[in-house]
Amino acid sequence: MKKRFLALNILFFTVVGCLSPEKKSENQLPDELKANWTAAPNIDVDKINSDLVDGKKTIDVGIYFPSNFDQNFEKVTLDKMMASFKAAKEIYAPTDVQLNLLWVKTGPINPDYFSIESNKVPTVPRTEYANMYVHSKRHPSVPTQRTLDAFNHIIEPHKDNSRTIYLVVLQEVFYPFLAVAEGRNWMTKAVRTGGMSFPTYSFVNTLPKRFRGVMTITNLSRPDRLRSTIAHEIGHKAMNVSHEYMDTDPENEIFAEGGLMLYGAGEEIPSGEAGRWHLERLHLSPFIYRLNSDGQKIWNEDYREGGHYYDPIYGDKVRYFDSKPPIKEDW
């Protein structure tokens, strides 16, 4: 009997040990462990989409708004989400790309996922030898298991999961990164995000493919956040760039006026090499499709190498730049 029990234990741990965290998160959860979503009341999706034009470049967007947040959470309301989405439609209108609202859904979720940490603490700091995008390709961000579990709980399976942008409202999403402390020492910092795009230039292929369109929204309380947060986060996802503009090279945080991809009041999506190819990269996004005469979605080419900044789908629509030394060169 003891030998049989031991054999069963060995078999169990062998099977479990062979499942990587990503594989476990790729598996569909039983229905009773998934969030139960229903259409949000009083949202006229057809009216919101009344500006859409057949045959125009389009991005599909779905909104998940949990109904059971803590009572004192007021940073995001359904009204604010809809106002920010409508502003995003306005901001992208000059680019010849339209945003198609698929649905707005609400329902209770597991409170364990109200707050998540977007990625594991990085282990290799970025230095002067490789710029942000090269460094991210070599050392991509890795989502935490809680983040993967939350997405698996929230996102409904669909054949177009990897081509759809999902705006998921949560209470808190923290983003940890490494910053210079003093001398040649680095320390971990964590930013409390208002929006988190989980972009492929940073995560490359560490996110399961069906989750690569997920973005989180956690703060629309200020007028500037209300106006630009959703548009800004869609920019990270669809242009596949960090915080950068014209001659301003990318960084984790840049507070300045200028384009949509800086922290400021700017809404410009510039074009050409001087504009860091933002408009052109947007038009190449795998999240974009056109409807043909039969009503079928004709998608842009998908990423060939996981979606890093220099992915071959972008051709020459990239910028090469040097990284600045983060510490004194005589260290």
C-alpha atoms as a PDB file:
ATOM      1  CA  MET A   1       0.000   0.000   0.000  1.00  0.00           C
ATOM      2  CA  LYS A   2       2.818   2.396   0.932  1.00  0.00           C
ATOM      3  CA  LYS A   3       4.586   1.648  -2.349  1.00  0.00           C
ATOM      4  CA  ARG A   4       1.396   2.403  -4.293  1.00  0.00           C
ATOM      5  CA  PHE A   5       0.914   5.710  -2.428  1.00  0.00           C
ATOM      6  CA  LEU A   6       4.529   6.685  -3.100  1.00  0.00           C
ATOM      7  CA  ALA A   7       4.160   5.860  -6.802  1.00  0.00           C
ATOM      8  CA  LEU A   8       1.025   8.001  -7.082  1.00  0.00           C
ATOM      9  CA  ASN A   9       2.795  10.916  -5.382  1.00  0.00           C
ATOM     10  CA  ILE A  10       5.747  10.647  -7.748  1.00  0.00           C
ATOM     11  CA  LEU A  11       3.390  10.570 -10.734  1.00  0.00           C
ATOM     12  CA  PHE A  12       1.463  13.646  -9.486  1.00  0.00           C
ATOM     13  CA  PHE A  13       4.545  15.789  -8.901  1.00  0.00           C
ATOM     14  CA  THR A  14       6.088  14.665 -12.186  1.00  0.00           C
ATOM     15  CA  VAL A  15       2.996  15.794 -14.124  1.00  0.00           C
ATOM     16  CA  VAL A  16       2.666  19.098 -12.242  1.00  0.00           C
ATOM     17  CA  GLY A  17       6.389  19.787 -12.512  1.00  0.00           C
ATOM     18  CA  CYS A  18       6.235  19.429 -16.299  1.00  0.00           C
ATOM     19  CA  LEU A  19       3.694  22.253 -16.603  1.00  0.00           C
ATOM     20  CA  SER A  20       5.412  25.627 -16.906  1.00  0.00           C
ATOM     21  CA  PRO A  21       3.601  28.687 -15.437  1.00  0.00           C
ATOM     22  CA  GLU A  22       2.848  29.886 -18.965  1.00  0.00           C
ATOM     23  CA  LYS A  23       1.406  26.520 -19.984  1.00  0.00           C
ATOM     24  CA  LYS A  24      -0.774  26.416 -16.893  1.00  0.00           C
ATOM     25  CA  SER A  25      -2.036  29.928 -17.624  1.00  0.00           C
ATOM     26  CA  GLU A  26      -2.715  29.062 -21.271  1.00  0.00           C
ATOM     27  CA  ASN A  27      -5.131  26.319 -20.170  1.00  0.00           C
ATOM     28  CA  GLN A  28      -8.752  27.366 -19.988  1.00  0.00           C
ATOM     29  CA  LEU A  29     -10.145  27.652 -16.482  1.00  0.00           C
ATOM     30  CA  PRO A  30     -13.296  25.751 -15.544  1.00  0.00           C
ATOM     31  CA  ASP A  31     -16.386  27.920 -16.030  1.00  0.00           C
ATOM     32  CA  GLU A  32     -16.932  28.264 -12.284  1.00  0.00           C
ATOM     33  CA  LEU A  33     -13.519  29.945 -11.945  1.00  0.00           C
ATOM     34  CA  LYS A  34     -14.067  32.426 -14.773  1.00  0.00           C
ATOM     35  CA  ALA A  35     -15.609  35.862 -14.335  1.00  0.00           C
ATOM     36  CA  ASN A  36     -19.291  35.978 -15.276  1.00  0.00           C
ATOM     37  CA  TRP A  37     -19.774  38.925 -17.631  1.00  0.00           C
ATOM     38  CA  THR A  38     -22.962  40.577 -18.859  1.00  0.00           C
ATOM     39  CA  ALA A  39     -23.539  43.592 -21.097  1.00  0.00           C
ATOM     40  CA  ALA A  40     -23.331  46.864 -19.164  1.00  0.00           C
ATOM     41  CA  PRO A  41     -26.722  48.601 -19.045  1.00  0.00           C
ATOM     42  CA  ASN A  42     -27.407  51.942 -20.701  1.00  0.00           C
ATOM     43  CA  ILE A  43     -24.416  51.762 -23.055  1.00  0.00           C
ATOM     44  CA  ASP A  44     -25.477  52.305 -26.672  1.00  0.00           C
ATOM     45  CA  VAL A  45     -22.616  50.617 -28.531  1.00  0.00           C
ATOM     46  CA  ASP A  46     -24.193  51.254 -31.947  1.00  0.00           C
ATOM     47  CA  LYS A  47     -24.425  54.979 -31.235  1.00  0.00           C
ATOM     48  CA  ILE A  48     -20.812  55.113 -30.065  1.00  0.00           C
ATOM     49  CA  ASN A  49     -19.772  53.359 -33.284  1.00  0.00           C
ATOM     50  CA  SER A  50     -21.899  55.564 -35.540  1.00  0.00           C
ATOM     51  CA  ASP A  51     -18.717  57.257 -36.835  1.00  0.00           C
ATOM     52  CA  LEU A  52     -17.260  54.043 -38.304  1.00  0.00           C
ATOM     53  CA  VAL A  53     -16.570  53.867 -42.035  1.00  0.00           C
ATOM     54  CA  ASP A  54     -16.573  50.592 -43.973  1.00  0.00           C
ATOM     55  CA  GLY A  55     -13.185  49.635 -45.380  1.00  0.00           C
ATOM     56  CA  LYS A  56     -11.238  51.961 -43.087  1.00  0.00           C
ATOM     57  CA  LYS A  57      -8.368  50.736 -40.902  1.00  0.00           C
ATOM     58  CA  THR A  58      -9.940  49.565 -37.661  1.00  0.00           C
ATOM     59  CA  ILE A  59      -8.937  48.442 -34.158  1.00  0.00           C
ATOM     60  CA  ASP A  60     -11.392  46.354 -32.139  1.00  0.00           C
ATOM     61  CA  VAL A  61     -11.717  47.266 -28.455  1.00  0.00           C
ATOM     62  CA  GLY A  62     -13.622  45.521 -25.660  1.00  0.00           C
ATOM     63  CA  ILE A  63     -14.137  46.973 -22.173  1.00  0.00           C
ATOM     64  CA  TYR A  64     -14.351  44.931 -18.961  1.00  0.00           C
ATOM     65  CA  PHE A  65     -15.637  46.873 -15.940  1.00  0.00           C
ATOM     66  CA  PRO A  66     -15.866  44.781 -12.725  1.00  0.00           C
ATOM     67  CA  SER A  67     -18.921  45.507 -10.572  1.00  0.00           C
ATOM     68  CA  ASN A  68     -17.627  44.591  -7.091  1.00  0.00           C
ATOM     69  CA  PHE A  69     -14.712  46.963  -6.407  1.00  0.00           C
ATOM     70  CA  ASP A  70     -14.054  48.244  -2.876  1.00  0.00           C
ATOM     71  CA  GLN A  71     -16.539  50.971  -1.967  1.00  0.00           C
ATOM     72  CA  ASN A  72     -13.962  53.753  -1.748  1.00  0.00           C
ATOM     73  CA  PHE A  73     -12.521  53.088  -5.222  1.00  0.00           C
ATOM     74  CA  GLU A  74     -13.643  56.035  -7.365  1.00  0.00           C
ATOM     75  CA  LYS A  75     -10.639  56.611  -9.635  1.00  0.00           C
ATOM     76  CA  VAL A  76     -12.501  54.987 -12.533  1.00  0.00           C
ATOM     77  CA  THR A  77     -16.241  54.938 -13.144  1.00  0.00           C
ATOM     78  CA  LEU A  78     -18.106  53.553 -16.122  1.00  0.00           C
ATOM     79  CA  ASP A  79     -18.998  57.098 -17.208  1.00  0.00           C
ATOM     80  CA  LYS A  80     -15.329  58.097 -17.082  1.00  0.00           C
ATOM     81  CA  MET A  81     -14.327  55.029 -19.097  1.00  0.00           C
ATOM     82  CA  MET A  82     -16.796  55.855 -21.825  1.00  0.00           C
ATOM     83  CA  ALA A  83     -15.715  59.507 -21.906  1.00  0.00           C
ATOM     84  CA  SER A  84     -12.056  58.485 -22.189  1.00  0.00           C
ATOM     85  CA  PHE A  85     -12.823  55.980 -24.936  1.00  0.00           C
ATOM     86  CA  LYS A  86     -14.747  58.591 -26.922  1.00  0.00           C
ATOM     87  CA  ALA A  87     -11.799  60.978 -26.515  1.00  0.00           C
ATOM     88  CA  ALA A  88      -9.486  58.248 -27.846  1.00  0.00           C
ATOM     89  CA  LYS A  89     -11.685  57.924 -30.934  1.00  0.00           C
ATOM     90  CA  GLU A  90     -11.274  61.681 -31.493  1.00  0.00           C
ATOM     91  CA  ILE A  91      -7.516  61.579 -30.972  1.00  0.00           C
ATOM     92  CA  TYR A  92      -7.028  58.768 -33.488  1.00  0.00           C
ATOM     93  CA  ALA A  93      -9.435  60.174 -36.077  1.00  0.00           C
ATOM     94  CA  PRO A  94      -6.735  62.238 -37.906  1.00  0.00           C
ATOM     95  CA  THR A  95      -4.595  59.085 -38.316  1.00  0.00           C
ATOM     96  CA  ASP A  96      -7.127  57.333 -40.585  1.00  0.00           C
ATOM     97  CA  VAL A  97      -7.491  54.610 -37.928  1.00  0.00           C
ATOM     98  CA  GLN A  98     -10.850  54.106 -36.232  1.00  0.00           C
ATOM     99  CA  LEU A  99     -11.679  52.422 -32.925  1.00  0.00           C
ATOM    100  CA  ASN A 100     -14.546  49.935 -32.971  1.00  0.00           C
ATOM    101  CA  LEU A 101     -16.169  49.294 -29.587  1.00  0.00           C
ATOM    102  CA  LEU A 102     -17.135  45.613 -29.515  1.00  0.00           C
ATOM    103  CA  TRP A 103     -18.928  45.693 -26.166  1.00  0.00           C
ATOM    104  CA  VAL A 104     -18.837  46.921 -22.584  1.00  0.00           C
ATOM    105  CA  LYS A 105     -19.224  44.153 -20.019  1.00  0.00           C
ATOM    106  CA  THR A 106     -19.629  44.178 -16.267  1.00  0.00           C
ATOM    107  CA  GLY A 107     -19.820  41.618 -13.486  1.00  0.00           C
ATOM    108  CA  PRO A 108     -18.037  40.543 -10.284  1.00  0.00           C
ATOM    109  CA  ILE A 109     -14.463  39.276 -10.405  1.00  0.00           C
ATOM    110  CA  ASN A 110     -12.275  37.557  -7.832  1.00  0.00           C
ATOM    111  CA  PRO A 111     -11.179  40.346  -5.421  1.00  0.00           C
ATOM    112  CA  ASP A 112      -7.713  38.783  -5.327  1.00  0.00           C
ATOM    113  CA  TYR A 113      -7.198  40.394  -8.740  1.00  0.00           C
ATOM    114  CA  PHE A 114      -8.272  43.950  -7.844  1.00  0.00           C
ATOM    115  CA  SER A 115      -4.557  44.755  -7.417  1.00  0.00           C
ATOM    116  CA  ILE A 116      -1.704  43.155  -9.344  1.00  0.00           C
ATOM    117  CA  GLU A 117       1.984  43.671 -10.054  1.00  0.00           C
ATOM    118  CA  SER A 118       2.408  43.799 -13.827  1.00  0.00           C
ATOM    119  CA  ASN A 119       5.754  42.022 -14.081  1.00  0.00           C
ATOM    120  CA  LYS A 120       8.450  40.362 -12.053  1.00  0.00           C
ATOM    121  CA  VAL A 121      11.221  42.606 -10.730  1.00  0.00           C
ATOM    122  CA  PRO A 122      13.842  42.883 -13.505  1.00  0.00           C
ATOM    123  CA  THR A 123      17.210  41.289 -12.804  1.00  0.00           C
ATOM    124  CA  VAL A 124      19.450  42.999 -15.386  1.00  0.00           C
ATOM    125  CA  PRO A 125      19.668  46.834 -15.398  1.00  0.00           C
ATOM    126  CA  ARG A 126      19.887  48.741 -18.679  1.00  0.00           C
ATOM    127  CA  THR A 127      23.285  50.386 -19.243  1.00  0.00           C
ATOM    128  CA  GLU A 128      25.050  52.371 -21.982  1.00  0.00           C
ATOM    129  CA  TYR A 129      25.705  49.339 -24.180  1.00  0.00           C
ATOM    130  CA  ALA A 130      22.175  48.833 -25.480  1.00  0.00           C
ATOM    131  CA  ASN A 131      19.243  51.194 -25.917  1.00  0.00           C
ATOM    132  CA  MET A 132      15.890  50.541 -24.246  1.00  0.00           C
ATOM    133  CA  TYR A 133      14.440  48.529 -27.125  1.00  0.00           C
ATOM    134  CA  VAL A 134      17.503  46.356 -27.680  1.00  0.00           C
ATOM    135  CA  HIS A 135      17.749  45.734 -23.944  1.00  0.00           C
ATOM    136  CA  SER A 136      14.063  44.801 -23.748  1.00  0.00           C
ATOM    137  CA  LYS A 137      14.470  42.305 -26.579  1.00  0.00           C
ATOM    138  CA  ARG A 138      17.363  40.649 -24.739  1.00  0.00           C
ATOM    139  CA  HIS A 139      15.788  40.894 -21.281  1.00  0.00           C
ATOM    140  CA  PRO A 140      11.998  41.178 -21.750  1.00  0.00           C
ATOM    141  CA  SER A 141       9.610  41.903 -18.926  1.00  0.00           C
ATOM    142  CA  VAL A 142       8.053  38.772 -17.481  1.00  0.00           C
ATOM    143  CA  PRO A 143       4.450  38.883 -16.214  1.00  0.00           C
ATOM    144  CA  THR A 144       3.822  37.732 -12.668  1.00  0.00           C
ATOM    145  CA  GLN A 145       1.813  34.587 -12.111  1.00  0.00           C
ATOM    146  CA  ARG A 146      -0.923  36.657 -10.438  1.00  0.00           C
ATOM    147  CA  THR A 147      -1.180  38.797 -13.579  1.00  0.00           C
ATOM    148  CA  LEU A 148      -1.508  35.716 -15.773  1.00  0.00           C
ATOM    149  CA  ASP A 149      -4.094  34.240 -13.417  1.00  0.00           C
ATOM    150  CA  ALA A 150      -6.049  37.510 -13.419  1.00  0.00           C
ATOM    151  CA  PHE A 151      -6.092  37.687 -17.217  1.00  0.00           C
ATOM    152  CA  ASN A 152      -7.147  34.051 -17.438  1.00  0.00           C
ATOM    153  CA  HIS A 153      -9.967  34.805 -14.995  1.00  0.00           C
ATOM    154  CA  ILE A 154     -11.122  37.939 -16.823  1.00  0.00           C
ATOM    155  CA  ILE A 155     -10.536  37.513 -20.573  1.00  0.00           C
ATOM    156  CA  GLU A 156     -13.075  35.390 -22.426  1.00  0.00           C
ATOM    157  CA  PRO A 157     -11.669  32.973 -25.028  1.00  0.00           C
ATOM    158  CA  HIS A 158     -12.181  34.075 -28.643  1.00  0.00           C
ATOM    159  CA  LYS A 159     -10.501  33.318 -31.961  1.00  0.00           C
ATOM    160  CA  ASP A 160      -9.438  36.981 -32.241  1.00  0.00           C
ATOM    161  CA  ASN A 161      -8.022  37.306 -28.693  1.00  0.00           C
ATOM    162  CA  SER A 162      -4.531  38.108 -29.965  1.00  0.00           C
ATOM    163  CA  ARG A 163      -5.836  40.789 -32.354  1.00  0.00           C
ATOM    164  CA  THR A 164      -8.229  42.558 -29.954  1.00  0.00           C
ATOM    165  CA  ILE A 165      -7.471  45.293 -27.431  1.00  0.00           C
ATOM    166  CA  TYR A 166      -9.079  44.686 -24.040  1.00  0.00           C
ATOM    167  CA  LEU A 167      -9.444  47.600 -21.616  1.00  0.00           C
ATOM    168  CA  VAL A 168      -9.647  46.014 -18.167  1.00  0.00           C
ATOM    169  CA  VAL A 169     -10.474  48.252 -15.223  1.00  0.00           C
ATOM    170  CA  LEU A 170      -8.690  47.298 -11.985  1.00  0.00           C
ATOM    171  CA  GLN A 171      -8.065  49.119  -8.716  1.00  0.00           C
ATOM    172  CA  GLU A 172      -4.262  49.021  -8.769  1.00  0.00           C
ATOM    173  CA  VAL A 173      -1.514  47.870 -11.101  1.00  0.00           C
ATOM    174  CA  PHE A 174       2.070  48.355  -9.959  1.00  0.00           C
ATOM    175  CA  TYR A 175       4.974  48.380 -12.419  1.00  0.00           C
ATOM    176  CA  PRO A 176       8.408  47.558 -10.930  1.00  0.00           C
ATOM    177  CA  PHE A 177      11.626  48.596 -12.648  1.00  0.00           C
ATOM    178  CA  LEU A 178      15.307  49.187 -11.858  1.00  0.00           C
ATOM    179  CA  ALA A 179      16.752  52.683 -11.350  1.00  0.00           C
ATOM    180  CA  VAL A 180      20.169  53.962 -10.345  1.00  0.00           C
ATOM    181  CA  ALA A 181      20.415  54.590  -6.601  1.00  0.00           C
ATOM    182  CA  GLU A 182      23.911  55.997  -6.186  1.00  0.00           C
ATOM    183  CA  GLY A 183      27.350  55.209  -7.492  1.00  0.00           C
ATOM    184  CA  ARG A 184      27.161  51.895  -9.295  1.00  0.00           C
ATOM    185  CA  ASN A 185      24.187  50.612  -7.336  1.00  0.00           C
ATOM    186  CA  TRP A 186      20.686  50.009  -8.674  1.00  0.00           C
ATOM    187  CA  MET A 187      17.468  49.802  -6.716  1.00  0.00           C
ATOM    188  CA  THR A 188      13.961  48.604  -7.428  1.00  0.00           C
ATOM    189  CA  LYS A 189      11.202  51.171  -7.883  1.00  0.00           C
ATOM    190  CA  ALA A 190       7.510  50.543  -8.349  1.00  0.00           C
ATOM    191  CA  VAL A 191       5.165  52.926 -10.145  1.00  0.00           C
ATOM    192  CA  ARG A 192       1.475  52.983  -9.328  1.00  0.00           C
ATOM    193  CA  THR A 193       0.080  53.127 -12.844  1.00  0.00           C
ATOM    194  CA  GLY A 194      -2.991  54.926 -14.136  1.00  0.00           C
ATOM    195  CA  GLY A 195      -2.867  52.780 -17.254  1.00  0.00           C
ATOM    196  CA  MET A 196      -0.687  49.798 -18.152  1.00  0.00           C
ATOM    197  CA  SER A 197      -0.449  48.572 -21.727  1.00  0.00           C
ATOM    198  CA  PHE A 198       1.716  45.423 -21.385  1.00  0.00           C
ATOM    199  CA  PRO A 199       3.355  46.331 -24.731  1.00  0.00           C
ATOM    200  CA  THR A 200       5.188  43.792 -26.845  1.00  0.00           C
ATOM    201  CA  TYR A 201       8.263  46.040 -27.158  1.00  0.00           C
ATOM    202  CA  SER A 202       8.739  45.316 -23.451  1.00  0.00           C
ATOM    203  CA  PHE A 203       7.201  41.857 -22.928  1.00  0.00           C
ATOM    204  CA  VAL A 204       8.047  40.515 -26.424  1.00  0.00           C
ATOM    205  CA  ASN A 205       6.800  36.896 -26.275  1.00  0.00           C
ATOM    206  CA  THR A 206       6.596  36.357 -22.501  1.00  0.00           C
ATOM    207  CA  LEU A 207       2.840  37.001 -22.458  1.00  0.00           C
ATOM    208  CA  PRO A 208       0.669  34.185 -23.805  1.00  0.00           C
ATOM    209  CA  LYS A 209      -0.425  35.304 -27.253  1.00  0.00           C
ATOM    210  CA  ARG A 210      -4.113  35.493 -26.378  1.00  0.00           C
ATOM    211  CA  PHE A 211      -3.335  38.053 -23.652  1.00  0.00           C
ATOM    212  CA  ARG A 212      -1.151  40.376 -25.708  1.00  0.00           C
ATOM    213  CA  GLY A 213      -4.049  42.797 -26.306  1.00  0.00           C
ATOM    214  CA  VAL A 214      -4.817  43.319 -22.611  1.00  0.00           C
ATOM    215  CA  MET A 215      -4.434  46.774 -21.083  1.00  0.00           C
ATOM    216  CA  THR A 216      -5.398  47.899 -17.583  1.00  0.00           C
ATOM    217  CA  ILE A 217      -6.962  51.225 -16.582  1.00  0.00           C
ATOM    218  CA  THR A 218      -6.812  52.272 -12.919  1.00  0.00           C
ATOM    219  CA  ASN A 219      -7.006  56.072 -12.729  1.00  0.00           C
ATOM    220  CA  LEU A 220      -9.073  58.535 -14.789  1.00  0.00           C
ATOM    221  CA  SER A 221      -9.705  60.966 -11.933  1.00  0.00           C
ATOM    222  CA  ARG A 222      -7.960  64.073 -13.345  1.00  0.00           C
ATOM    223  CA  PRO A 223      -9.171  65.867 -16.488  1.00  0.00           C
ATOM    224  CA  ASP A 224      -5.857  65.197 -18.281  1.00  0.00           C
ATOM    225  CA  ARG A 225      -6.001  61.501 -17.420  1.00  0.00           C
ATOM    226  CA  LEU A 226      -9.623  61.335 -18.506  1.00  0.00           C
ATOM    227  CA  ARG A 227      -8.807  62.850 -21.891  1.00  0.00           C
ATOM    228  CA  SER A 228      -5.677  60.977 -22.897  1.00  0.00           C
ATOM    229  CA  THR A 229      -5.058  57.806 -20.850  1.00  0.00           C
ATOM    230  CA  ILE A 230      -6.847  55.315 -23.086  1.00  0.00           C
ATOM    231  CA  ALA A 231      -5.458  56.909 -26.259  1.00  0.00           C
ATOM    232  CA  HIS A 232      -1.939  56.942 -24.775  1.00  0.00           C
ATOM    233  CA  GLU A 233      -2.090  53.293 -23.709  1.00  0.00           C
ATOM    234  CA  ILE A 234      -3.476  52.225 -27.096  1.00  0.00           C
ATOM    235  CA  GLY A 235      -0.453  54.034 -28.566  1.00  0.00           C
ATOM    236  CA  HIS A 236       1.932  51.841 -26.568  1.00  0.00           C
ATOM    237  CA  LYS A 237       0.091  48.791 -27.833  1.00  0.00           C
ATOM    238  CA  ALA A 238      -0.593  49.738 -31.458  1.00  0.00           C
ATOM    239  CA  MET A 239       2.469  51.900 -32.280  1.00  0.00           C
ATOM    240  CA  ASN A 240       4.594  49.604 -30.119  1.00  0.00           C
ATOM    241  CA  VAL A 241       6.740  52.424 -28.716  1.00  0.00           C
ATOM    242  CA  SER A 242       7.602  53.684 -25.236  1.00  0.00           C
ATOM    243  CA  HIS A 243       7.514  57.288 -23.993  1.00  0.00           C
ATOM    244  CA  GLU A 244       9.269  59.137 -26.811  1.00  0.00           C
ATOM    245  CA  TYR A 245       8.738  62.018 -29.212  1.00  0.00           C
ATOM    246  CA  MET A 246      10.778  63.535 -32.033  1.00  0.00           C
ATOM    247  CA  ASP A 247      14.306  63.976 -30.590  1.00  0.00           C
ATOM    248  CA  THR A 248      13.310  62.638 -27.167  1.00  0.00           C
ATOM    249  CA  ASP A 249      14.587  59.069 -26.819  1.00  0.00           C
ATOM    250  CA  PRO A 250      12.411  56.597 -24.903  1.00  0.00           C
ATOM    251  CA  GLU A 251      12.415  56.272 -21.127  1.00  0.00           C
ATOM    252  CA  ASN A 252      10.164  54.725 -18.486  1.00  0.00           C
ATOM    253  CA  GLU A 253       8.745  58.147 -17.616  1.00  0.00           C
ATOM    254  CA  ILE A 254       8.988  61.460 -19.516  1.00  0.00           C
ATOM    255  CA  PHE A 255       6.911  64.412 -18.346  1.00  0.00           C
ATOM    256  CA  ALA A 256       6.873  66.954 -21.170  1.00  0.00           C
ATOM    257  CA  GLU A 257       4.609  68.602 -23.699  1.00  0.00           C
ATOM    258  CA  GLY A 258       4.616  67.240 -27.218  1.00  0.00           C
ATOM    259  CA  GLY A 259       3.192  64.071 -28.685  1.00  0.00           C
ATOM    260  CA  LEU A 260       0.641  61.600 -27.387  1.00  0.00           C
ATOM    261  CA  MET A 261       3.350  59.252 -26.152  1.00  0.00           C
ATOM    262  CA  LEU A 262       4.732  61.655 -23.527  1.00  0.00           C
ATOM    263  CA  TYR A 263       3.193  62.458 -20.149  1.00  0.00           C
ATOM    264  CA  GLY A 264       1.637  65.816 -20.960  1.00  0.00           C
ATOM    265  CA  ALA A 265      -1.219  67.461 -22.804  1.00  0.00           C
ATOM    266  CA  GLY A 266       0.088  66.610 -26.289  1.00  0.00           C
ATOM    267  CA  GLU A 267      -1.986  64.475 -28.650  1.00  0.00           C
ATOM    268  CA  GLU A 268       0.115  64.505 -31.811  1.00  0.00           C
ATOM    269  CA  ILE A 269       0.936  61.220 -33.548  1.00  0.00           C
ATOM    270  CA  PRO A 270       3.826  62.364 -35.769  1.00  0.00           C
ATOM    271  CA  SER A 271       5.021  60.727 -38.970  1.00  0.00           C
ATOM    272  CA  GLY A 272       8.296  60.252 -40.795  1.00  0.00           C
ATOM    273  CA  GLU A 273      11.730  59.598 -39.384  1.00  0.00           C
ATOM    274  CA  ALA A 274      11.655  62.913 -37.503  1.00  0.00           C
ATOM    275  CA  GLY A 275       8.443  61.744 -35.827  1.00  0.00           C
ATOM    276  CA  ARG A 276      10.007  58.386 -34.991  1.00  0.00           C
ATOM    277  CA  TRP A 277       7.609  56.760 -37.465  1.00  0.00           C
ATOM    278  CA  HIS A 278       4.718  56.766 -34.977  1.00  0.00           C
ATOM    279  CA  LEU A 279       2.003  57.097 -37.612  1.00  0.00           C
ATOM    280  CA  GLU A 280       3.574  54.536 -39.915  1.00  0.00           C
ATOM    281  CA  ARG A 281       4.079  52.017 -37.095  1.00  0.00           C
ATOM    282  CA  LEU A 282       0.453  52.492 -36.083  1.00  0.00           C
ATOM    283  CA  HIS A 283      -0.689  51.633 -39.604  1.00  0.00           C
ATOM    284  CA  LEU A 284       1.442  48.457 -39.531  1.00  0.00           C
ATOM    285  CA  SER A 285      -0.012  47.229 -36.237  1.00  0.00           C
ATOM    286  CA  PRO A 286      -1.232  43.598 -36.106  1.00  0.00           C
ATOM    287  CA  PHE A 287      -4.249  44.931 -34.180  1.00  0.00           C
ATOM    288  CA  ILE A 288      -5.507  46.647 -37.362  1.00  0.00           C
ATOM    289  CA  TYR A 289      -7.794  45.187 -40.019  1.00  0.00           C
ATOM    290  CA  ARG A 290      -9.997  46.321 -42.886  1.00  0.00           C
ATOM    291  CA  LEU A 291     -13.364  44.855 -43.810  1.00  0.00           C
ATOM    292  CA  ASN A 292     -13.530  43.571 -47.373  1.00  0.00           C
ATOM    293  CA  SER A 293     -16.639  43.670 -49.568  1.00  0.00           C
ATOM    294  CA  ASP A 294     -17.845  40.400 -47.987  1.00  0.00           C
ATOM    295  CA  GLY A 295     -17.540  41.788 -44.468  1.00  0.00           C
ATOM    296  CA  GLN A 296     -14.479  39.673 -43.654  1.00  0.00           C
ATOM    297  CA  LYS A 297     -11.661  41.084 -41.554  1.00  0.00           C
ATOM    298  CA  ILE A 298      -8.408  41.359 -43.482  1.00  0.00           C
ATOM    299  CA  TRP A 299      -5.746  41.672 -40.789  1.00  0.00           C
ATOM    300  CA  ASN A 300      -2.352  43.329 -41.018  1.00  0.00           C
ATOM    301  CA  GLU A 301       0.639  41.015 -40.955  1.00  0.00           C
ATOM    302  CA  ASP A 302       1.291  39.491 -37.545  1.00  0.00           C
ATOM    303  CA  TYR A 303       4.569  39.898 -35.657  1.00  0.00           C
ATOM    304  CA  ARG A 304       7.343  37.654 -36.940  1.00  0.00           C
ATOM    305  CA  GLU A 305       9.555  37.771 -33.847  1.00  0.00           C
ATOM    306  CA  GLY A 306       7.187  38.277 -30.925  1.00  0.00           C
ATOM    307  CA  GLY A 307       6.671  42.003 -31.420  1.00  0.00           C
ATOM    308  CA  HIS A 308       9.896  43.582 -30.171  1.00  0.00           C
ATOM    309  CA  TYR A 309      10.443  47.171 -31.326  1.00  0.00           C
ATOM    310  CA  TYR A 310      12.651  46.077 -34.249  1.00  0.00           C
ATOM    311  CA  ASP A 311      10.329  43.238 -35.335  1.00  0.00           C
ATOM    312  CA  PRO A 312      10.744  42.652 -39.105  1.00  0.00           C
ATOM    313  CA  ILE A 313       7.151  43.725 -39.837  1.00  0.00           C
ATOM    314  CA  TYR A 314       8.288  47.342 -39.301  1.00  0.00           C
ATOM    315  CA  GLY A 315      10.963  47.232 -41.997  1.00  0.00           C
ATOM    316  CA  ASP A 316      12.811  50.550 -41.933  1.00  0.00           C
ATOM    317  CA  LYS A 317      10.173  52.243 -39.721  1.00  0.00           C
ATOM    318  CA  VAL A 318      12.484  52.102 -36.704  1.00  0.00           C
ATOM    319  CA  ARG A 319      14.976  54.402 -35.022  1.00  0.00           C
ATOM    320  CA  TYR A 320      18.483  53.382 -33.959  1.00  0.00           C
ATOM    321  CA  PHE A 321      19.933  55.423 -31.125  1.00  0.00           C
ATOM    322  CA  ASP A 322      22.609  55.165 -28.457  1.00  0.00           C
ATOM    323  CA  SER A 323      21.861  54.608 -24.816  1.00  0.00           C
ATOM    324  CA  LYS A 324      23.078  57.194 -22.339  1.00  0.00           C
ATOM    325  CA  PRO A 325      25.418  56.018 -19.551  1.00  0.00           C
ATOM    326  CA  PRO A 326      23.276  55.695 -16.412  1.00  0.00           C
ATOM    327  CA  ILE A 327      26.238  56.209 -14.067  1.00  0.00           C
ATOM    328  CA  LYS A 328      29.580  58.039 -14.207  1.00  0.00           C
ATOM    329  CA  GLU A 329      31.880  56.567 -16.815  1.00  0.00           C
ATOM    330  CA  ASP A 330      34.813  56.408 -14.371  1.00  0.00           C
ATOM    331  CA  TRP A 331      33.007  54.041 -12.011  1.00  0.00           C
END
